[in-house]
Structure formats: C-alpha cells, structure tokens
Amino acid sequence: MTLLPLASMIRRCAVALVMALVVAGCGGGSGSSGFDAAFSENGAIMQALAESHCVAHAGLSICPADVATPPGAPGAVETGLDQAGSVACAPSTDGACSFSLPFMPLGFPSNAAFRVVSRSVGPLRPWRMGALPMPNGPPDSGDLEVPVNFPAAGGDRPAPLHVQIAVLVYLKPLPSNVPSMADGLASFDADFAFVTQQLTAGVQP
C-alpha cells in the first residue's frame, strides 16, 4: 500500500537533488555575474515556453513565439518554422550555417521596431544580433524576413546544430547602443522577446 507513494517521493527527491546540483555547479563562486543573470533568464525562457505565456525578467517580457497573443503581450510573432522539426541550413563562405527566417508580427503599433537574435545551445552560446529584417511580400502584408547565421560545427562531418531564435520587439525608440552580442536577452534593451523552442539545424548535403 505504501510502495507507490514511496516511489513517488523518491523521484521527487531525486529531481530536487539534481536541480540543486545544477544550480550549485552553475553558480561557480560568490556574488552575481553575467553568467548568473543569463542562467536566471534561461529559467524564465523555459517557463514562458512551457506555460505559453509571457514571463517578466529584468525589465524584459519573454514570450513564446508562434502562440496567438500569449497572455502578457500586446501582440504575437508568427514564424515560418516547424518548431517540432528541424531547420535546413546551407553552409556559407565563412563557414557558418545560414538560413532565412520569415516572421510576421501581429497586433503591435505601426512604429514598433523588430530585430532578430539567435544562439547555439548545448552548450549555450551568446545571443547574436542578426541583420536588419526586410519586407517579405507585399508592402502592406507585414511579413518580414531575415538571414540567420550560426557558427558551423567543426569536423569533417558537421553534426546538427541545436539553436534558438528570438524576435525582439521595441515599442520605444530603438536604442543607439544595442550590442551585437550578449549573454542575455535583457541586454538588448527590448520591450518583448518572442523566443522559439530549441531547434535542430542540419546542414544541407
């Protein structure tokens, strides 16, 4: 009669122990740091994706992409990605893996600005700012498109890359000192970040 509750308790304790070890290992010393902030932000990203609503973190609202107006956001961002599948990318001359990301912002003011950042995950790499999004289709459609580049994996047979993309939304005037690279999304000083699930990007043969 007590075996099932006991097994459940053991599983819960094991999960708690693993999470405690992860936090302790990633903390790596005393005091706060940029890495600690990025680690905390990743928790907010995971929560937003798992619960399909926006999560406030360090002045930024982190929201899931491809969700119809998630709670906490004035609009939504739809991408042309199959988030349950893989992304086919092509090797470029500089050794990067590149593909084109179409996306459509919905419900935002006409003066809102959009930028796209991306990163490799597993292990986590900094977020990198992409090129300026350009119209993709009729001028009044609102569709945008931007090239996304990731450093290619080394070796003679490149392994698939695990990547993540975020569409930044600026409701205020775009800051003049937005960084080209940052450990955390909050560093880009946007109002909202619509983040995809972690994707697998495979180099086309």
Protein backbone atom coordinates (compact mmCIF):
# COMPACT_ATOMS: atom_id res chain seq x y z
CA MET A 1 0.00 0.00 0.00
CA THR A 2 2.90 2.38 0.66
CA LEU A 3 5.16 1.44 -2.26
CA LEU A 4 3.64 3.87 -4.79
CA PRO A 5 3.81 6.96 -2.53
CA LEU A 6 7.34 5.98 -1.52
CA ALA A 7 8.44 5.63 -5.15
CA SER A 8 6.88 8.98 -5.98
CA MET A 9 8.67 10.61 -3.03
CA ILE A 10 12.00 9.13 -4.15
CA ARG A 11 11.52 10.52 -7.67
CA ARG A 12 10.69 13.97 -6.32
CA CYS A 13 13.72 13.94 -4.06
CA ALA A 14 15.95 12.83 -6.93
CA VAL A 15 14.70 15.65 -9.16
CA ALA A 16 15.21 18.19 -6.37
CA LEU A 17 18.74 16.91 -5.77
CA VAL A 18 19.66 17.14 -9.46
CA MET A 19 18.31 20.71 -9.70
CA ALA A 20 20.23 21.70 -6.58
CA LEU A 21 23.43 20.29 -8.02
CA VAL A 22 22.88 22.10 -11.33
CA VAL A 23 22.29 25.43 -9.60
CA ALA A 24 25.29 24.91 -7.34
CA GLY A 25 27.52 23.92 -10.23
CA CYS A 26 26.45 26.79 -12.44
CA GLY A 27 26.76 29.34 -9.67
CA GLY A 28 30.52 28.83 -9.57
CA GLY A 29 31.56 31.24 -6.85
CA SER A 30 30.20 34.07 -4.80
CA GLY A 31 28.46 37.22 -5.93
CA SER A 32 26.41 37.90 -9.02
CA SER A 33 27.75 37.80 -12.56
CA GLY A 34 26.61 38.00 -16.15
CA PHE A 35 26.56 34.22 -16.24
CA ASP A 36 24.29 34.08 -13.19
CA ALA A 37 21.91 36.56 -14.87
CA ALA A 38 21.88 34.50 -18.09
CA PHE A 39 21.23 31.33 -16.08
CA SER A 40 18.26 33.01 -14.37
CA GLU A 41 16.99 34.30 -17.72
CA ASN A 42 17.12 30.80 -19.20
CA GLY A 43 14.75 29.70 -16.46
CA ALA A 44 12.33 32.46 -17.50
CA ILE A 45 12.61 31.35 -21.14
CA MET A 46 11.86 27.75 -20.21
CA GLN A 47 8.84 28.83 -18.17
CA ALA A 48 7.46 31.02 -20.97
CA LEU A 49 7.77 28.18 -23.49
CA ALA A 50 6.36 25.52 -21.17
CA GLU A 51 3.38 27.57 -19.97
CA SER A 52 2.68 29.53 -23.21
CA HIS A 53 2.59 32.96 -21.59
CA CYS A 54 4.95 35.88 -21.09
CA VAL A 55 7.34 35.94 -18.15
CA ALA A 56 8.84 39.20 -16.88
CA HIS A 57 12.59 39.16 -16.26
CA ALA A 58 14.99 42.08 -15.73
CA GLY A 59 12.69 44.59 -17.40
CA LEU A 60 12.03 42.34 -20.40
CA SER A 61 8.87 40.36 -21.17
CA ILE A 62 9.88 36.95 -22.53
CA CYS A 63 7.10 35.36 -24.58
CA PRO A 64 6.70 32.21 -26.68
CA ALA A 65 6.78 32.63 -30.45
CA ASP A 66 4.04 31.08 -32.57
CA VAL A 67 1.42 31.44 -29.82
CA ALA A 68 -1.66 33.53 -30.61
CA THR A 69 -1.28 36.65 -28.42
CA PRO A 70 0.21 34.98 -25.36
CA PRO A 71 -1.01 36.38 -22.03
CA GLY A 72 1.10 39.37 -21.08
CA ALA A 73 1.80 40.54 -24.65
CA PRO A 74 0.04 43.15 -26.81
CA GLY A 75 0.53 41.01 -29.90
CA ALA A 76 2.19 37.91 -31.26
CA VAL A 77 5.00 36.81 -33.54
CA GLU A 78 4.47 34.01 -36.03
CA THR A 79 7.45 32.37 -37.70
CA GLY A 80 7.63 30.06 -40.66
CA LEU A 81 9.39 27.43 -38.58
CA ASP A 82 8.22 23.94 -37.74
CA GLN A 83 9.29 24.06 -34.11
CA ALA A 84 8.73 20.34 -33.73
CA GLY A 85 11.03 19.55 -36.64
CA SER A 86 14.40 20.59 -37.97
CA VAL A 87 15.67 23.58 -39.90
CA ALA A 88 17.65 23.02 -43.08
CA CYS A 89 20.54 25.44 -43.40
CA ALA A 90 23.19 25.94 -46.02
CA PRO A 91 26.93 26.36 -45.41
CA SER A 92 28.17 29.83 -46.34
CA THR A 93 31.58 31.00 -47.47
CA ASP A 94 32.65 31.99 -43.96
CA GLY A 95 31.93 28.51 -42.58
CA ALA A 96 28.62 29.43 -40.98
CA CYS A 97 25.32 27.63 -41.24
CA SER A 98 22.76 30.01 -42.72
CA PHE A 99 19.03 30.01 -43.38
CA SER A 100 16.31 32.58 -43.96
CA LEU A 101 13.78 33.22 -41.20
CA PRO A 102 10.37 34.57 -42.24
CA PHE A 103 8.23 36.04 -39.47
CA MET A 104 5.07 38.09 -39.07
CA PRO A 105 4.48 40.45 -36.12
CA LEU A 106 0.79 40.77 -35.28
CA GLY A 107 -1.01 43.38 -33.19
CA PHE A 108 1.88 45.76 -32.50
CA PRO A 109 1.85 49.54 -33.06
CA SER A 110 2.91 50.68 -36.51
CA ASN A 111 6.03 52.35 -35.08
CA ALA A 112 7.30 49.18 -33.36
CA ALA A 113 10.75 48.00 -34.41
CA PHE A 114 11.89 44.38 -34.69
CA ARG A 115 15.25 42.69 -34.52
CA VAL A 116 16.25 39.02 -34.51
CA VAL A 117 18.88 37.41 -32.31
CA SER A 118 19.96 33.78 -32.25
CA ARG A 119 22.25 31.46 -30.34
CA SER A 120 23.59 27.93 -30.34
CA VAL A 121 22.56 25.79 -27.39
CA GLY A 122 24.08 22.66 -25.89
CA PRO A 123 26.39 24.22 -24.82
CA LEU A 124 24.86 27.68 -24.53
CA ARG A 125 26.48 30.43 -26.58
CA PRO A 126 25.84 34.20 -26.52
CA TRP A 127 22.91 35.67 -28.40
CA ARG A 128 23.99 37.30 -31.69
CA MET A 129 22.17 40.17 -33.37
CA GLY A 130 21.15 39.47 -36.95
CA ALA A 131 20.81 41.74 -39.96
CA LEU A 132 18.01 44.25 -40.31
CA PRO A 133 14.73 42.45 -41.15
CA MET A 134 13.44 43.22 -44.62
CA PRO A 135 9.91 43.10 -46.08
CA ASN A 136 8.92 39.70 -47.44
CA GLY A 137 5.93 40.10 -49.70
CA PRO A 138 3.54 42.97 -50.44
CA PRO A 139 4.38 46.17 -48.50
CA ASP A 140 1.11 46.06 -46.53
CA SER A 141 1.39 42.38 -45.57
CA GLY A 142 3.66 42.99 -42.57
CA ASP A 143 5.72 39.91 -43.39
CA LEU A 144 9.43 40.22 -42.65
CA GLU A 145 12.46 38.09 -43.36
CA VAL A 146 16.00 37.99 -42.01
CA PRO A 147 19.04 35.76 -42.60
CA VAL A 148 20.15 33.80 -39.54
CA ASN A 149 23.71 32.52 -39.21
CA PHE A 150 25.25 30.08 -36.77
CA PRO A 151 28.92 29.09 -36.47
CA ALA A 152 29.37 25.75 -38.18
CA ALA A 153 30.28 22.74 -36.06
CA GLY A 154 33.84 21.55 -36.52
CA GLY A 155 34.98 18.28 -38.03
CA ASP A 156 34.77 16.65 -41.41
CA ARG A 157 31.18 15.60 -40.79
CA PRO A 158 29.40 18.53 -39.08
CA ALA A 159 26.84 17.42 -36.53
CA PRO A 160 23.38 19.02 -36.44
CA LEU A 161 23.32 22.27 -34.50
CA HIS A 162 20.90 22.91 -31.66
CA VAL A 163 19.82 26.53 -31.91
CA GLN A 164 17.29 29.05 -30.58
CA ILE A 165 15.93 32.26 -32.08
CA ALA A 166 14.25 35.29 -30.51
CA VAL A 167 12.39 38.15 -32.19
CA LEU A 168 12.92 41.34 -30.21
CA VAL A 169 10.14 43.93 -30.15
CA TYR A 170 10.89 47.60 -29.41
CA LEU A 171 7.83 49.70 -28.59
CA LYS A 172 10.05 52.63 -27.63
CA PRO A 173 12.60 54.20 -29.98
CA LEU A 174 15.34 51.73 -30.85
CA PRO A 175 18.37 52.41 -28.62
CA SER A 176 21.50 53.58 -30.41
CA ASN A 177 23.83 51.36 -28.40
CA VAL A 178 22.23 47.94 -28.84
CA PRO A 179 25.03 45.33 -28.56
CA SER A 180 25.82 42.95 -31.38
CA MET A 181 26.26 40.08 -28.92
CA ALA A 182 25.13 39.42 -25.34
CA ASP A 183 24.82 36.57 -22.87
CA GLY A 184 21.24 37.55 -22.02
CA LEU A 185 18.27 38.86 -23.98
CA ALA A 186 17.72 41.64 -21.45
CA SER A 187 20.99 43.24 -22.57
CA PHE A 188 19.40 44.19 -25.91
CA ASP A 189 17.04 46.59 -24.08
CA ALA A 190 13.89 45.48 -25.92
CA ASP A 191 10.35 45.51 -24.54
CA PHE A 192 9.48 41.95 -25.60
CA ALA A 193 11.39 38.89 -26.78
CA PHE A 194 9.43 36.19 -28.60
CA VAL A 195 11.50 33.04 -28.31
CA THR A 196 11.30 29.79 -30.25
CA GLN A 197 11.76 26.33 -28.86
CA GLN A 198 15.22 24.85 -29.23
CA LEU A 199 15.56 23.82 -32.87
CA THR A 200 17.79 21.38 -34.71
CA ALA A 201 19.56 22.93 -37.69
CA GLY A 202 21.09 20.47 -40.12
CA VAL A 203 23.47 21.43 -42.92
CA GLN A 204 22.03 20.58 -46.31
CA PRO A 205 24.12 18.00 -48.20
